[in-house]
Amino acid sequence: MAQSRLEKVGTIYSRLTSLIKSGGIPEENKPIWLDLYKAFPPKYEPTFSRPASGPPVRKIFYTEDLIRAQFHKHHRRYSNVNLLDNKSVSRTESFILIYRQLEKDGVPQDEIYNKAIEEFLEKFKHEQALKEAEKADTAAESSQRPLQGLSIKRLVADKESKFGKKLAKKASEESKELTEEEKKMYKPIRFSLEKIMEDKETTQEVKKPE
């Protein structure tokens, strides 16, 4: 029967050898380090009760940690970090770079933080404005493209609503500006849309009470 496998009782060597003797672990599945342990046993047996050797772990503290802590305390909403983005600099690091640059420029110590905050906020607003401009440009480019990626089913799925009629009208207008080759490609789609809308209007007229 195997002995106790609790880490507080015995050592890793004694627990593993007991498992092998009892058949809990086949001989051919024993780890490689077991033979090394037998050939070169440690000077002091590594038991749970023996205190760990070596100096204690030192607390690592950087001078910029004070700046970072102050920034996170007053401007917490800028401290979010995207862990999936490894290329761009975080907002906190950007603020610290501005702070360090002001230190090099000889700004008084009691004015550095406030000036760094002002420059950081200006930089942040400028970056946000650039992002909004890029989004607007992308939206404008996508709105100018013909509706070639939309299928007939998608275009007429909501044909009774104003949005569906607007899509059909836009597709009809854009098809007039296409080249000859594009007209050959999208002509069946335009005709199908117009035919569906005509059939719908005809059906509604027939259903009107006399």
N, C-alpha and C. Protein backbone atom coordinates (compact mmCIF):
# COMPACT_ATOMS: atom_id res chain seq x y z
N MET A 1 0.85 -1.20 0.00
CA MET A 1 0.00 0.00 0.00
C MET A 1 0.88 1.25 0.00
N ALA A 2 0.50 2.25 -0.79
CA ALA A 2 1.30 3.47 -0.90
C ALA A 2 1.21 4.27 0.38
N GLN A 3 2.32 4.95 0.69
CA GLN A 3 2.34 5.82 1.85
C GLN A 3 1.61 7.12 1.54
N SER A 4 1.59 8.02 2.53
CA SER A 4 0.90 9.29 2.33
C SER A 4 1.59 10.10 1.24
N ARG A 5 0.79 10.69 0.35
CA ARG A 5 1.32 11.50 -0.75
C ARG A 5 1.15 13.00 -0.46
N LEU A 6 0.80 13.32 0.77
CA LEU A 6 0.67 14.73 1.14
C LEU A 6 2.05 15.38 1.16
N GLU A 7 2.13 16.61 0.63
CA GLU A 7 3.43 17.26 0.50
C GLU A 7 4.07 17.56 1.85
N LYS A 8 3.29 17.58 2.93
CA LYS A 8 3.84 17.86 4.25
C LYS A 8 4.43 16.61 4.90
N VAL A 9 4.16 15.46 4.34
CA VAL A 9 4.66 14.20 4.88
C VAL A 9 5.67 13.62 3.91
N GLY A 10 6.91 13.43 4.36
CA GLY A 10 7.93 12.87 3.49
C GLY A 10 8.42 13.89 2.48
N THR A 11 9.13 13.37 1.48
CA THR A 11 9.66 14.21 0.41
C THR A 11 9.08 13.75 -0.92
N ILE A 12 9.37 14.50 -1.98
CA ILE A 12 8.90 14.11 -3.30
C ILE A 12 9.51 12.77 -3.71
N TYR A 13 10.74 12.52 -3.26
CA TYR A 13 11.41 11.25 -3.60
C TYR A 13 10.75 10.08 -2.89
N SER A 14 10.50 10.22 -1.59
CA SER A 14 9.89 9.13 -0.83
C SER A 14 8.46 8.86 -1.29
N ARG A 15 7.73 9.88 -1.63
CA ARG A 15 6.35 9.67 -2.08
C ARG A 15 6.31 8.98 -3.44
N LEU A 16 7.24 9.34 -4.34
CA LEU A 16 7.25 8.74 -5.66
C LEU A 16 7.73 7.29 -5.62
N THR A 17 8.76 7.01 -4.83
CA THR A 17 9.24 5.63 -4.72
C THR A 17 8.18 4.73 -4.10
N SER A 18 7.41 5.26 -3.16
CA SER A 18 6.32 4.46 -2.57
C SER A 18 5.25 4.15 -3.60
N LEU A 19 4.95 5.10 -4.48
CA LEU A 19 3.98 4.86 -5.54
C LEU A 19 4.46 3.78 -6.50
N ILE A 20 5.75 3.79 -6.82
CA ILE A 20 6.29 2.78 -7.74
C ILE A 20 6.26 1.40 -7.10
N LYS A 21 6.64 1.31 -5.81
CA LYS A 21 6.64 0.02 -5.11
C LYS A 21 5.24 -0.56 -4.99
N SER A 22 4.26 0.30 -4.76
CA SER A 22 2.88 -0.18 -4.60
C SER A 22 2.19 -0.45 -5.93
N GLY A 23 2.81 -0.07 -7.05
CA GLY A 23 2.20 -0.28 -8.36
C GLY A 23 1.33 0.86 -8.82
N GLY A 24 1.33 1.95 -8.06
CA GLY A 24 0.55 3.11 -8.48
C GLY A 24 1.08 3.73 -9.75
N ILE A 25 2.39 3.67 -9.94
CA ILE A 25 3.04 4.15 -11.16
C ILE A 25 3.90 3.03 -11.71
N PRO A 26 3.73 2.63 -12.96
CA PRO A 26 4.58 1.58 -13.54
C PRO A 26 6.04 2.01 -13.57
N GLU A 27 6.93 1.03 -13.51
CA GLU A 27 8.36 1.31 -13.51
C GLU A 27 8.80 2.05 -14.77
N GLU A 28 8.19 1.69 -15.91
CA GLU A 28 8.59 2.32 -17.17
C GLU A 28 8.10 3.77 -17.29
N ASN A 29 7.18 4.17 -16.43
CA ASN A 29 6.65 5.54 -16.49
C ASN A 29 7.27 6.47 -15.45
N LYS A 30 8.30 6.02 -14.78
CA LYS A 30 8.91 6.88 -13.75
C LYS A 30 9.60 8.07 -14.42
N PRO A 31 9.63 9.21 -13.77
CA PRO A 31 10.26 10.40 -14.36
C PRO A 31 11.77 10.26 -14.46
N ILE A 32 12.37 11.00 -15.36
CA ILE A 32 13.81 10.91 -15.60
C ILE A 32 14.60 11.40 -14.39
N TRP A 33 14.07 12.40 -13.71
CA TRP A 33 14.82 12.99 -12.60
C TRP A 33 14.99 12.04 -11.43
N LEU A 34 14.21 10.94 -11.37
CA LEU A 34 14.30 10.03 -10.23
C LEU A 34 15.68 9.36 -10.17
N ASP A 35 16.18 8.90 -11.33
CA ASP A 35 17.52 8.28 -11.36
C ASP A 35 18.61 9.30 -11.05
N LEU A 36 18.42 10.53 -11.50
CA LEU A 36 19.39 11.58 -11.18
C LEU A 36 19.40 11.88 -9.68
N TYR A 37 18.22 11.85 -9.09
CA TYR A 37 18.11 12.09 -7.65
C TYR A 37 18.85 11.00 -6.87
N LYS A 38 18.71 9.73 -7.36
CA LYS A 38 19.41 8.63 -6.69
C LYS A 38 20.92 8.75 -6.85
N ALA A 39 21.36 9.15 -8.05
CA ALA A 39 22.80 9.25 -8.32
C ALA A 39 23.43 10.46 -7.63
N PHE A 40 22.69 11.55 -7.58
CA PHE A 40 23.21 12.78 -6.97
C PHE A 40 22.19 13.32 -5.96
N PRO A 41 22.08 12.69 -4.81
CA PRO A 41 21.11 13.16 -3.82
C PRO A 41 21.51 14.53 -3.28
N PRO A 42 20.54 15.33 -2.88
CA PRO A 42 20.86 16.67 -2.35
C PRO A 42 21.54 16.58 -0.99
N LYS A 43 22.31 17.61 -0.69
CA LYS A 43 23.03 17.63 0.59
C LYS A 43 22.06 17.69 1.75
N TYR A 44 21.01 18.48 1.60
CA TYR A 44 19.97 18.57 2.62
C TYR A 44 18.65 18.12 2.01
N GLU A 45 18.01 17.19 2.70
CA GLU A 45 16.78 16.63 2.16
C GLU A 45 15.69 17.71 2.11
N PRO A 46 15.05 17.89 0.95
CA PRO A 46 14.04 18.96 0.80
C PRO A 46 12.70 18.59 1.41
N THR A 47 12.57 18.73 2.70
CA THR A 47 11.31 18.46 3.37
C THR A 47 10.49 19.75 3.48
N PHE A 48 9.19 19.57 3.73
CA PHE A 48 8.29 20.72 3.81
C PHE A 48 8.61 21.59 5.02
N SER A 49 9.09 20.97 6.10
CA SER A 49 9.34 21.72 7.33
C SER A 49 10.63 22.53 7.27
N ARG A 50 11.53 22.21 6.34
CA ARG A 50 12.80 22.94 6.25
C ARG A 50 12.56 24.29 5.61
N PRO A 51 13.02 25.36 6.23
CA PRO A 51 12.80 26.69 5.64
C PRO A 51 13.58 26.84 4.34
N ALA A 52 13.03 27.64 3.46
CA ALA A 52 13.68 27.85 2.17
C ALA A 52 14.96 28.64 2.34
N SER A 53 15.97 28.24 1.58
CA SER A 53 17.26 28.91 1.65
C SER A 53 17.28 30.11 0.71
N GLY A 54 18.24 30.97 0.91
CA GLY A 54 18.39 32.11 0.03
C GLY A 54 17.84 33.37 0.65
N PRO A 55 18.25 34.52 0.13
CA PRO A 55 17.78 35.80 0.67
C PRO A 55 16.30 36.02 0.33
N PRO A 56 15.60 36.80 1.11
CA PRO A 56 14.18 37.08 0.80
C PRO A 56 14.05 37.90 -0.48
N VAL A 57 12.89 37.79 -1.08
CA VAL A 57 12.64 38.51 -2.32
C VAL A 57 12.54 40.00 -2.02
N ARG A 58 13.32 40.77 -2.75
CA ARG A 58 13.32 42.20 -2.52
C ARG A 58 12.11 42.87 -3.18
N LYS A 59 11.63 43.91 -2.56
CA LYS A 59 10.54 44.68 -3.14
C LYS A 59 11.12 45.66 -4.16
N ILE A 60 10.74 45.48 -5.40
CA ILE A 60 11.25 46.33 -6.46
C ILE A 60 10.40 47.59 -6.53
N PHE A 61 11.05 48.73 -6.43
CA PHE A 61 10.34 50.00 -6.44
C PHE A 61 11.08 50.96 -7.36
N TYR A 62 10.36 51.54 -8.32
CA TYR A 62 10.93 52.49 -9.25
C TYR A 62 10.46 53.90 -8.90
N THR A 63 11.27 54.87 -9.27
CA THR A 63 10.91 56.26 -8.97
C THR A 63 9.66 56.69 -9.74
N GLU A 64 9.45 56.11 -10.91
CA GLU A 64 8.28 56.47 -11.70
C GLU A 64 6.99 55.89 -11.14
N ASP A 65 7.10 54.96 -10.18
CA ASP A 65 5.90 54.39 -9.58
C ASP A 65 5.10 55.45 -8.82
N LEU A 66 5.77 56.43 -8.25
CA LEU A 66 5.07 57.52 -7.57
C LEU A 66 4.28 58.36 -8.57
N ILE A 67 4.88 58.60 -9.73
CA ILE A 67 4.19 59.35 -10.78
C ILE A 67 2.99 58.56 -11.28
N ARG A 68 3.20 57.27 -11.50
CA ARG A 68 2.13 56.41 -12.00
C ARG A 68 0.98 56.33 -11.00
N ALA A 69 1.30 56.21 -9.71
CA ALA A 69 0.26 56.12 -8.68
C ALA A 69 -0.55 57.41 -8.61
N GLN A 70 0.12 58.54 -8.71
CA GLN A 70 -0.59 59.83 -8.68
C GLN A 70 -1.48 59.99 -9.90
N PHE A 71 -0.98 59.56 -11.06
CA PHE A 71 -1.77 59.66 -12.29
C PHE A 71 -3.01 58.77 -12.22
N HIS A 72 -2.85 57.54 -11.74
CA HIS A 72 -3.99 56.62 -11.63
C HIS A 72 -5.01 57.09 -10.59
N LYS A 73 -4.54 57.79 -9.58
CA LYS A 73 -5.46 58.26 -8.54
C LYS A 73 -6.37 59.36 -9.05
N HIS A 74 -5.84 60.30 -9.83
CA HIS A 74 -6.63 61.44 -10.28
C HIS A 74 -7.24 61.25 -11.67
N HIS A 75 -6.69 60.35 -12.46
CA HIS A 75 -7.18 60.15 -13.83
C HIS A 75 -7.30 58.65 -14.09
N ARG A 76 -8.17 58.01 -13.35
CA ARG A 76 -8.29 56.56 -13.42
C ARG A 76 -8.82 56.09 -14.77
N ARG A 77 -9.64 56.90 -15.43
CA ARG A 77 -10.26 56.45 -16.68
C ARG A 77 -9.25 56.35 -17.82
N TYR A 78 -8.07 56.95 -17.65
CA TYR A 78 -7.03 56.85 -18.67
C TYR A 78 -6.06 55.71 -18.40
N SER A 79 -6.27 54.97 -17.31
CA SER A 79 -5.31 53.93 -16.93
C SER A 79 -5.65 52.57 -17.51
N ASN A 80 -6.73 52.47 -18.31
CA ASN A 80 -7.08 51.19 -18.91
C ASN A 80 -6.01 50.76 -19.91
N VAL A 81 -5.75 49.46 -19.95
CA VAL A 81 -4.71 48.92 -20.83
C VAL A 81 -5.31 47.81 -21.68
N ASN A 82 -5.05 47.85 -22.98
CA ASN A 82 -5.47 46.79 -23.89
C ASN A 82 -4.37 45.74 -23.94
N LEU A 83 -4.59 44.59 -23.30
CA LEU A 83 -3.56 43.56 -23.22
C LEU A 83 -3.29 42.89 -24.56
N LEU A 84 -4.21 43.03 -25.52
CA LEU A 84 -4.02 42.43 -26.83
C LEU A 84 -3.18 43.31 -27.75
N ASP A 85 -2.97 44.55 -27.37
CA ASP A 85 -2.21 45.48 -28.21
C ASP A 85 -0.79 45.60 -27.65
N ASN A 86 0.17 45.00 -28.36
CA ASN A 86 1.56 45.03 -27.92
C ASN A 86 2.39 46.07 -28.65
N LYS A 87 1.79 46.79 -29.58
CA LYS A 87 2.55 47.73 -30.41
C LYS A 87 2.48 49.16 -29.89
N SER A 88 1.30 49.61 -29.53
CA SER A 88 1.14 50.99 -29.10
C SER A 88 1.51 51.16 -27.63
N VAL A 89 1.89 52.38 -27.27
CA VAL A 89 2.26 52.70 -25.89
C VAL A 89 0.99 52.99 -25.10
N SER A 90 0.92 52.49 -23.87
CA SER A 90 -0.25 52.75 -23.03
C SER A 90 -0.31 54.23 -22.66
N ARG A 91 -1.49 54.66 -22.23
CA ARG A 91 -1.67 56.07 -21.88
C ARG A 91 -0.84 56.46 -20.66
N THR A 92 -0.70 55.52 -19.73
CA THR A 92 0.12 55.81 -18.55
C THR A 92 1.58 56.02 -18.95
N GLU A 93 2.09 55.13 -19.82
CA GLU A 93 3.47 55.28 -20.26
C GLU A 93 3.65 56.57 -21.06
N SER A 94 2.64 56.93 -21.83
CA SER A 94 2.71 58.18 -22.59
C SER A 94 2.81 59.37 -21.64
N PHE A 95 2.04 59.34 -20.56
CA PHE A 95 2.10 60.42 -19.57
C PHE A 95 3.47 60.47 -18.90
N ILE A 96 4.04 59.31 -18.57
CA ILE A 96 5.35 59.27 -17.92
C ILE A 96 6.43 59.81 -18.84
N LEU A 97 6.33 59.51 -20.14
CA LEU A 97 7.30 60.05 -21.10
C LEU A 97 7.24 61.58 -21.15
N ILE A 98 6.01 62.11 -21.12
CA ILE A 98 5.85 63.58 -21.10
C ILE A 98 6.44 64.15 -19.82
N TYR A 99 6.19 63.48 -18.70
CA TYR A 99 6.71 63.92 -17.40
C TYR A 99 8.23 63.94 -17.40
N ARG A 100 8.85 62.87 -17.92
CA ARG A 100 10.31 62.79 -17.96
C ARG A 100 10.90 63.88 -18.86
N GLN A 101 10.23 64.16 -19.97
CA GLN A 101 10.72 65.18 -20.88
C GLN A 101 10.69 66.56 -20.23
N LEU A 102 9.64 66.83 -19.47
CA LEU A 102 9.55 68.11 -18.76
C LEU A 102 10.64 68.22 -17.69
N GLU A 103 10.97 67.08 -17.07
CA GLU A 103 12.07 67.09 -16.10
C GLU A 103 13.39 67.47 -16.76
N LYS A 104 13.62 66.90 -17.96
CA LYS A 104 14.85 67.21 -18.69
C LYS A 104 14.89 68.68 -19.12
N ASP A 105 13.72 69.25 -19.40
CA ASP A 105 13.66 70.64 -19.84
C ASP A 105 13.84 71.63 -18.69
N GLY A 106 13.94 71.13 -17.47
CA GLY A 106 14.19 72.01 -16.33
C GLY A 106 12.97 72.65 -15.73
N VAL A 107 11.80 72.06 -15.93
CA VAL A 107 10.58 72.60 -15.33
C VAL A 107 10.63 72.39 -13.81
N PRO A 108 10.23 73.36 -13.01
CA PRO A 108 10.25 73.20 -11.55
C PRO A 108 9.44 71.98 -11.10
N GLN A 109 9.91 71.35 -10.02
CA GLN A 109 9.32 70.10 -9.57
C GLN A 109 7.85 70.26 -9.18
N ASP A 110 7.47 71.41 -8.63
CA ASP A 110 6.09 71.60 -8.20
C ASP A 110 5.14 71.93 -9.36
N GLU A 111 5.69 72.12 -10.56
CA GLU A 111 4.85 72.44 -11.72
C GLU A 111 4.84 71.32 -12.77
N ILE A 112 5.72 70.35 -12.61
CA ILE A 112 5.85 69.31 -13.64
C ILE A 112 4.56 68.54 -13.82
N TYR A 113 3.96 68.10 -12.71
CA TYR A 113 2.79 67.22 -12.81
C TYR A 113 1.64 67.91 -13.53
N ASN A 114 1.32 69.15 -13.15
CA ASN A 114 0.20 69.86 -13.78
C ASN A 114 0.46 70.12 -15.26
N LYS A 115 1.70 70.49 -15.60
CA LYS A 115 2.01 70.73 -17.01
C LYS A 115 1.98 69.43 -17.81
N ALA A 116 2.44 68.35 -17.19
CA ALA A 116 2.40 67.05 -17.86
C ALA A 116 0.96 66.62 -18.12
N ILE A 117 0.08 66.89 -17.17
CA ILE A 117 -1.34 66.56 -17.35
C ILE A 117 -1.93 67.37 -18.49
N GLU A 118 -1.60 68.66 -18.56
CA GLU A 118 -2.13 69.51 -19.64
C GLU A 118 -1.67 69.01 -21.01
N GLU A 119 -0.38 68.70 -21.13
CA GLU A 119 0.13 68.21 -22.41
C GLU A 119 -0.46 66.85 -22.76
N PHE A 120 -0.63 66.00 -21.74
CA PHE A 120 -1.20 64.68 -21.99
C PHE A 120 -2.64 64.79 -22.49
N LEU A 121 -3.45 65.64 -21.86
CA LEU A 121 -4.84 65.80 -22.27
C LEU A 121 -4.94 66.38 -23.68
N GLU A 122 -4.06 67.33 -24.01
CA GLU A 122 -4.05 67.88 -25.37
C GLU A 122 -3.69 66.80 -26.39
N LYS A 123 -2.70 65.99 -26.05
CA LYS A 123 -2.29 64.90 -26.94
C LYS A 123 -3.42 63.88 -27.09
N PHE A 124 -4.10 63.57 -25.98
CA PHE A 124 -5.19 62.60 -26.02
C PHE A 124 -6.34 63.11 -26.89
N LYS A 125 -6.71 64.38 -26.74
CA LYS A 125 -7.78 64.96 -27.56
C LYS A 125 -7.41 64.96 -29.04
N HIS A 126 -6.14 65.25 -29.32
CA HIS A 126 -5.67 65.25 -30.71
C HIS A 126 -5.77 63.85 -31.31
N GLU A 127 -5.36 62.83 -30.54
CA GLU A 127 -5.44 61.45 -31.03
C GLU A 127 -6.88 61.02 -31.25
N GLN A 128 -7.77 61.42 -30.33
CA GLN A 128 -9.19 61.09 -30.49
C GLN A 128 -9.78 61.75 -31.72
N ALA A 129 -9.39 63.01 -31.99
CA ALA A 129 -9.88 63.71 -33.18
C ALA A 129 -9.41 63.02 -34.45
N LEU A 130 -8.16 62.55 -34.46
CA LEU A 130 -7.64 61.83 -35.63
C LEU A 130 -8.41 60.53 -35.85
N LYS A 131 -8.71 59.81 -34.75
CA LYS A 131 -9.47 58.56 -34.88
C LYS A 131 -10.87 58.82 -35.43
N GLU A 132 -11.52 59.88 -34.93
CA GLU A 132 -12.86 60.21 -35.42
C GLU A 132 -12.82 60.59 -36.89
N ALA A 133 -11.77 61.32 -37.31
CA ALA A 133 -11.63 61.69 -38.72
C ALA A 133 -11.42 60.47 -39.59
N GLU A 134 -10.62 59.51 -39.11
CA GLU A 134 -10.40 58.28 -39.87
C GLU A 134 -11.70 57.48 -39.99
N LYS A 135 -12.48 57.43 -38.91
CA LYS A 135 -13.76 56.72 -38.97
C LYS A 135 -14.71 57.39 -39.95
N ALA A 136 -14.72 58.73 -39.95
CA ALA A 136 -15.60 59.46 -40.87
C ALA A 136 -15.18 59.22 -42.31
N ASP A 137 -13.86 59.21 -42.58
CA ASP A 137 -13.38 58.95 -43.93
C ASP A 137 -13.74 57.55 -44.38
N THR A 138 -13.59 56.58 -43.47
CA THR A 138 -13.94 55.20 -43.81
C THR A 138 -15.42 55.06 -44.09
N ALA A 139 -16.26 55.73 -43.27
CA ALA A 139 -17.70 55.67 -43.49
C ALA A 139 -18.09 56.33 -44.81
N ALA A 140 -17.41 57.44 -45.15
CA ALA A 140 -17.71 58.12 -46.41
C ALA A 140 -17.32 57.26 -47.61
N GLU A 141 -16.17 56.59 -47.52
CA GLU A 141 -15.74 55.72 -48.61
C GLU A 141 -16.69 54.54 -48.78
N SER A 142 -17.12 53.95 -47.67
CA SER A 142 -18.02 52.81 -47.76
C SER A 142 -19.39 53.21 -48.29
N SER A 143 -19.84 54.44 -47.97
CA SER A 143 -21.15 54.89 -48.46
C SER A 143 -21.13 55.19 -49.95
N GLN A 144 -19.94 55.50 -50.50
CA GLN A 144 -19.84 55.82 -51.92
C GLN A 144 -19.68 54.57 -52.79
N ARG A 145 -19.38 53.45 -52.18
CA ARG A 145 -19.23 52.23 -52.96
C ARG A 145 -20.60 51.71 -53.39
N PRO A 146 -20.71 51.07 -54.56
CA PRO A 146 -21.98 50.47 -54.96
C PRO A 146 -22.35 49.31 -54.06
N LEU A 147 -23.61 49.03 -54.00
CA LEU A 147 -24.09 47.96 -53.14
C LEU A 147 -23.86 46.61 -53.78
N GLN A 148 -22.63 46.34 -54.24
CA GLN A 148 -22.36 45.10 -54.94
C GLN A 148 -22.22 43.93 -53.97
N GLY A 149 -21.91 44.22 -52.69
CA GLY A 149 -21.75 43.14 -51.74
C GLY A 149 -23.06 42.66 -51.15
N LEU A 150 -24.16 43.35 -51.44
CA LEU A 150 -25.45 42.97 -50.88
C LEU A 150 -26.23 42.12 -51.87
N SER A 151 -26.80 41.06 -51.39
CA SER A 151 -27.58 40.17 -52.24
C SER A 151 -28.99 40.72 -52.42
N ILE A 152 -29.71 40.16 -53.40
CA ILE A 152 -31.10 40.58 -53.62
C ILE A 152 -31.94 40.32 -52.39
N LYS A 153 -31.70 39.17 -51.76
CA LYS A 153 -32.47 38.81 -50.57
C LYS A 153 -32.27 39.84 -49.47
N ARG A 154 -31.03 40.32 -49.31
CA ARG A 154 -30.75 41.32 -48.29
C ARG A 154 -31.41 42.64 -48.64
N LEU A 155 -31.40 43.02 -49.90
CA LEU A 155 -31.94 44.31 -50.30
C LEU A 155 -33.45 44.38 -50.18
N VAL A 156 -34.13 43.27 -50.46
CA VAL A 156 -35.60 43.30 -50.48
C VAL A 156 -36.20 42.63 -49.25
N ALA A 157 -35.36 42.29 -48.27
CA ALA A 157 -35.89 41.62 -47.08
C ALA A 157 -36.85 42.54 -46.33
N ASP A 158 -36.56 43.83 -46.40
CA ASP A 158 -37.40 44.80 -45.70
C ASP A 158 -37.97 45.79 -46.70
N LYS A 159 -38.46 45.29 -47.83
CA LYS A 159 -38.88 46.15 -48.94
C LYS A 159 -40.09 47.00 -48.62
N GLU A 160 -40.89 46.60 -47.62
CA GLU A 160 -42.08 47.37 -47.29
C GLU A 160 -41.74 48.61 -46.45
N SER A 161 -40.58 48.61 -45.82
CA SER A 161 -40.21 49.75 -44.98
C SER A 161 -39.54 50.84 -45.82
N LYS A 162 -39.38 52.01 -45.21
CA LYS A 162 -38.72 53.12 -45.89
C LYS A 162 -37.26 52.79 -46.19
N PHE A 163 -36.63 52.06 -45.27
CA PHE A 163 -35.23 51.71 -45.46
C PHE A 163 -35.05 50.79 -46.66
N GLY A 164 -35.97 49.83 -46.81
CA GLY A 164 -35.89 48.92 -47.95
C GLY A 164 -36.07 49.65 -49.27
N LYS A 165 -37.01 50.59 -49.32
CA LYS A 165 -37.22 51.37 -50.55
C LYS A 165 -36.03 52.27 -50.83
N LYS A 166 -35.43 52.78 -49.76
CA LYS A 166 -34.26 53.63 -49.93
C LYS A 166 -33.09 52.85 -50.49
N LEU A 167 -32.91 51.61 -50.02
CA LEU A 167 -31.84 50.76 -50.55
C LEU A 167 -32.06 50.45 -52.02
N ALA A 168 -33.30 50.14 -52.36
CA ALA A 168 -33.61 49.82 -53.75
C ALA A 168 -33.38 51.03 -54.65
N LYS A 169 -33.77 52.22 -54.16
CA LYS A 169 -33.57 53.44 -54.94
C LYS A 169 -32.09 53.74 -55.11
N LYS A 170 -31.32 53.53 -54.04
CA LYS A 170 -29.88 53.79 -54.11
C LYS A 170 -29.20 52.83 -55.06
N ALA A 171 -29.60 51.58 -55.03
CA ALA A 171 -29.02 50.60 -55.95
C ALA A 171 -29.34 50.94 -57.39
N SER A 172 -30.56 51.46 -57.62
CA SER A 172 -30.95 51.83 -58.97
C SER A 172 -30.16 53.03 -59.47
N GLU A 173 -29.94 54.03 -58.58
CA GLU A 173 -29.18 55.22 -58.96
C GLU A 173 -27.71 54.90 -59.21
N GLU A 174 -27.13 54.04 -58.36
CA GLU A 174 -25.72 53.70 -58.52
C GLU A 174 -25.48 52.86 -59.76
N SER A 175 -26.46 52.06 -60.14
CA SER A 175 -26.28 51.22 -61.31
C SER A 175 -26.21 52.06 -62.59
N LYS A 176 -26.76 53.28 -62.56
CA LYS A 176 -26.70 54.16 -63.73
C LYS A 176 -25.28 54.70 -63.94
N GLU A 177 -24.49 54.77 -62.86
CA GLU A 177 -23.15 55.32 -62.95
C GLU A 177 -22.08 54.26 -63.19
N LEU A 178 -22.47 53.02 -63.35
CA LEU A 178 -21.51 51.94 -63.53
C LEU A 178 -21.00 51.92 -64.96
N THR A 179 -19.86 51.25 -65.15
CA THR A 179 -19.32 51.06 -66.49
C THR A 179 -20.13 50.01 -67.23
N GLU A 180 -19.79 49.80 -68.51
CA GLU A 180 -20.54 48.83 -69.32
C GLU A 180 -20.40 47.43 -68.76
N GLU A 181 -19.17 47.05 -68.34
CA GLU A 181 -18.97 45.72 -67.78
C GLU A 181 -19.73 45.55 -66.47
N GLU A 182 -19.71 46.59 -65.63
CA GLU A 182 -20.43 46.51 -64.36
C GLU A 182 -21.94 46.48 -64.58
N LYS A 183 -22.41 47.19 -65.64
CA LYS A 183 -23.84 47.15 -65.93
C LYS A 183 -24.29 45.74 -66.29
N LYS A 184 -23.45 45.04 -67.06
CA LYS A 184 -23.79 43.66 -67.41
C LYS A 184 -23.86 42.78 -66.17
N MET A 185 -23.01 43.10 -65.18
CA MET A 185 -22.96 42.28 -63.97
C MET A 185 -24.15 42.55 -63.05
N TYR A 186 -24.51 43.85 -62.88
CA TYR A 186 -25.54 44.23 -61.92
C TYR A 186 -26.91 44.49 -62.54
N LYS A 187 -27.01 44.40 -63.87
CA LYS A 187 -28.28 44.64 -64.54
C LYS A 187 -29.37 43.68 -64.07
N PRO A 188 -29.08 42.36 -63.98
CA PRO A 188 -30.13 41.45 -63.49
C PRO A 188 -30.60 41.79 -62.08
N ILE A 189 -29.68 42.25 -61.22
CA ILE A 189 -30.07 42.59 -59.85
C ILE A 189 -31.01 43.78 -59.84
N ARG A 190 -30.67 44.82 -60.64
CA ARG A 190 -31.52 46.02 -60.67
C ARG A 190 -32.89 45.69 -61.22
N PHE A 191 -32.92 44.89 -62.32
CA PHE A 191 -34.21 44.53 -62.90
C PHE A 191 -35.03 43.70 -61.93
N SER A 192 -34.37 42.81 -61.18
CA SER A 192 -35.10 41.99 -60.22
C SER A 192 -35.70 42.86 -59.12
N LEU A 193 -34.93 43.84 -58.66
CA LEU A 193 -35.44 44.73 -57.62
C LEU A 193 -36.64 45.54 -58.11
N GLU A 194 -36.50 46.11 -59.32
CA GLU A 194 -37.59 46.90 -59.87
C GLU A 194 -38.83 46.04 -60.11
N LYS A 195 -38.60 44.81 -60.56
CA LYS A 195 -39.74 43.91 -60.82
C LYS A 195 -40.46 43.57 -59.53
N ILE A 196 -39.69 43.34 -58.45
CA ILE A 196 -40.30 43.01 -57.17
C ILE A 196 -41.11 44.18 -56.64
N MET A 197 -40.56 45.39 -56.75
CA MET A 197 -41.26 46.57 -56.26
C MET A 197 -42.52 46.83 -57.09
N GLU A 198 -42.44 46.62 -58.41
CA GLU A 198 -43.62 46.81 -59.26
C GLU A 198 -44.70 45.78 -58.92
N ASP A 199 -44.28 44.53 -58.72
CA ASP A 199 -45.25 43.49 -58.35
C ASP A 199 -45.91 43.82 -57.03
N LYS A 200 -45.15 44.37 -56.09
CA LYS A 200 -45.70 44.71 -54.79
C LYS A 200 -46.74 45.82 -54.92
N GLU A 201 -46.42 46.86 -55.71
CA GLU A 201 -47.35 47.96 -55.89
C GLU A 201 -48.61 47.50 -56.62
N THR A 202 -48.44 46.62 -57.62
CA THR A 202 -49.59 46.10 -58.36
C THR A 202 -50.50 45.29 -57.45
N THR A 203 -49.89 44.48 -56.59
CA THR A 203 -50.68 43.66 -55.66
C THR A 203 -51.46 44.53 -54.70
N GLN A 204 -50.84 45.61 -54.23
CA GLN A 204 -51.55 46.50 -53.30
C GLN A 204 -52.71 47.20 -53.99
N GLU A 205 -52.56 47.57 -55.29
CA GLU A 205 -53.65 48.21 -56.02
C GLU A 205 -54.81 47.26 -56.24
N VAL A 206 -54.49 46.01 -56.49
CA VAL A 206 -55.56 45.02 -56.72
C VAL A 206 -56.35 44.79 -55.44
N LYS A 207 -55.68 44.82 -54.30
CA LYS A 207 -56.34 44.53 -53.03
C LYS A 207 -57.18 45.69 -52.53
N LYS A 208 -57.05 46.90 -53.15
CA LYS A 208 -57.82 48.05 -52.70
C LYS A 208 -59.32 47.81 -52.92
N PRO A 209 -60.17 48.12 -51.96
CA PRO A 209 -61.62 47.92 -52.15
C PRO A 209 -62.18 48.88 -53.18
N GLU A 210 -63.11 48.43 -53.95
CA GLU A 210 -63.72 49.28 -55.00
C GLU A 210 -64.75 50.23 -54.40
